[in-house]
C-alpha atoms as a PDB file:
ATOM      1  CA  MET A   1     115.260 126.724  94.047  1.00  0.00           C
ATOM      2  CA  THR A   2     113.868 123.139  93.172  1.00  0.00           C
ATOM      3  CA  PRO A   3     114.081 122.139  89.526  1.00  0.00           C
ATOM      4  CA  ILE A   4     111.228 120.092  88.050  1.00  0.00           C
ATOM      5  CA  LEU A   5     113.217 117.327  85.844  1.00  0.00           C
ATOM      6  CA  VAL A   6     111.961 114.955  82.997  1.00  0.00           C
ATOM      7  CA  PRO A   7     111.586 111.671  85.204  1.00  0.00           C
ATOM      8  CA  ASP A   8     113.192 108.500  84.739  1.00  0.00           C
ATOM      9  CA  LEU A   9     110.835 106.651  82.579  1.00  0.00           C
ATOM     10  CA  GLY A  10     112.513 103.205  82.232  1.00  0.00           C
ATOM     11  CA  ASP A  11     112.182 100.876  79.188  1.00  0.00           C
ATOM     12  CA  GLY A  12     114.761 102.500  77.420  1.00  0.00           C
ATOM     13  CA  ILE A  13     113.153 105.852  76.917  1.00  0.00           C
ATOM     14  CA  SER A  14     116.032 108.658  77.034  1.00  0.00           C
ATOM     15  CA  LYS A  15     113.998 111.715  75.671  1.00  0.00           C
ATOM     16  CA  VAL A  16     110.251 113.239  75.524  1.00  0.00           C
ATOM     17  CA  ASP A  17     108.528 115.847  73.796  1.00  0.00           C
ATOM     18  CA  VAL A  18     107.021 118.596  75.819  1.00  0.00           C
ATOM     19  CA  VAL A  19     103.278 118.907  74.847  1.00  0.00           C
ATOM     20  CA  ALA A  20     102.072 121.495  76.936  1.00  0.00           C
ATOM     21  CA  TRP A  21     102.814 123.771  80.220  1.00  0.00           C
ATOM     22  CA  ILE A  22      99.440 123.477  82.744  1.00  0.00           C
ATOM     23  CA  ALA A  23     100.839 126.362  84.695  1.00  0.00           C
ATOM     24  CA  SER A  24     102.830 129.264  83.300  1.00  0.00           C
ATOM     25  CA  GLU A  25     105.500 131.277  84.885  1.00  0.00           C
ATOM     26  CA  GLY A  26     104.641 132.880  87.953  1.00  0.00           C
ATOM     27  CA  ALA A  27     102.016 130.581  88.943  1.00  0.00           C
ATOM     28  CA  VAL A  28     101.587 129.288  92.451  1.00  0.00           C
ATOM     29  CA  VAL A  29     101.592 125.895  92.660  1.00  0.00           C
ATOM     30  CA  LYS A  30     101.112 123.057  95.333  1.00  0.00           C
ATOM     31  CA  GLN A  31     103.198 120.181  95.518  1.00  0.00           C
ATOM     32  CA  GLY A  32     101.648 117.519  93.425  1.00  0.00           C
ATOM     33  CA  ASP A  33      99.750 119.835  91.404  1.00  0.00           C
ATOM     34  CA  ASP A  34     100.307 119.046  87.449  1.00  0.00           C
ATOM     35  CA  LEU A  35     102.803 121.431  85.981  1.00  0.00           C
ATOM     36  CA  VAL A  36     103.606 120.118  82.610  1.00  0.00           C
ATOM     37  CA  GLU A  37     102.408 117.421  79.847  1.00  0.00           C
ATOM     38  CA  LEU A  38     104.731 114.914  78.474  1.00  0.00           C
ATOM     39  CA  VAL A  39     104.888 112.726  75.452  1.00  0.00           C
ATOM     40  CA  THR A  40     106.835 110.064  74.587  1.00  0.00           C
ATOM     41  CA  ASP A  41     106.589 107.339  71.560  1.00  0.00           C
ATOM     42  CA  LYS A  42     104.447 105.217  74.125  1.00  0.00           C
ATOM     43  CA  ALA A  43     102.626 106.933  76.506  1.00  0.00           C
ATOM     44  CA  SER A  44     101.578 110.642  77.477  1.00  0.00           C
ATOM     45  CA  PHE A  45     101.827 111.556  81.331  1.00  0.00           C
ATOM     46  CA  ASN A  46     101.823 114.805  83.701  1.00  0.00           C
ATOM     47  CA  VAL A  47     104.892 115.844  85.472  1.00  0.00           C
ATOM     48  CA  PRO A  48     103.737 117.036  88.877  1.00  0.00           C
ATOM     49  CA  ALA A  49     105.079 119.972  90.970  1.00  0.00           C
ATOM     50  CA  PRO A  50     107.960 118.624  93.458  1.00  0.00           C
ATOM     51  CA  VAL A  51     107.329 121.132  95.957  1.00  0.00           C
ATOM     52  CA  SER A  52     104.911 124.197  96.308  1.00  0.00           C
ATOM     53  CA  GLY A  53     106.043 127.649  95.587  1.00  0.00           C
ATOM     54  CA  THR A  54     106.442 130.001  92.751  1.00  0.00           C
ATOM     55  CA  LEU A  55     106.972 128.409  88.776  1.00  0.00           C
ATOM     56  CA  ARG A  56     109.726 131.004  88.633  1.00  0.00           C
ATOM     57  CA  LYS A  57     111.301 130.162  85.139  1.00  0.00           C
ATOM     58  CA  ILE A  58     110.393 127.792  82.282  1.00  0.00           C
ATOM     59  CA  PHE A  59     113.072 126.487  80.280  1.00  0.00           C
ATOM     60  CA  VAL A  60     111.773 123.884  77.848  1.00  0.00           C
ATOM     61  CA  LEU A  61     108.963 125.561  76.057  1.00  0.00           C
ATOM     62  CA  ALA A  62     106.362 123.356  74.549  1.00  0.00           C
ATOM     63  CA  GLY A  63     107.180 121.894  71.280  1.00  0.00           C
ATOM     64  CA  VAL A  64     110.719 121.328  72.437  1.00  0.00           C
ATOM     65  CA  GLU A  65     112.336 117.849  73.287  1.00  0.00           C
ATOM     66  CA  ALA A  66     114.110 117.371  76.105  1.00  0.00           C
ATOM     67  CA  ALA A  67     116.684 114.375  77.657  1.00  0.00           C
ATOM     68  CA  VAL A  68     115.692 112.487  80.615  1.00  0.00           C
ATOM     69  CA  GLY A  69     117.066 114.086  83.673  1.00  0.00           C
ATOM     70  CA  ALA A  70     117.147 117.746  82.017  1.00  0.00           C
ATOM     71  CA  ILE A  71     115.481 120.335  83.844  1.00  0.00           C
ATOM     72  CA  LEU A  72     112.209 121.485  82.221  1.00  0.00           C
ATOM     73  CA  GLY A  73     111.696 125.067  84.766  1.00  0.00           C
ATOM     74  CA  GLU A  74     112.441 125.678  88.337  1.00  0.00           C
ATOM     75  CA  ILE A  75     110.244 126.410  91.496  1.00  0.00           C
ATOM     76  CA  ILE A  76     110.894 128.894  94.191  1.00  0.00           C
END
């Protein structure tokens, strides 16, 4: 299993808000596909799939805050 992590965004940013999941649980994704939209107080961005596979589980739902390094979901 490969975790989908909140990336290190630098500039002292320690948390993000999960805006929306682009992929849903059970979706087959390719490496580089956008999975989830995150927003900070400075910018909005998408997190791509780190590997190809199936989005097995979403741990942090839309509308929830997550820390940098947190596991958002996992791909198998």
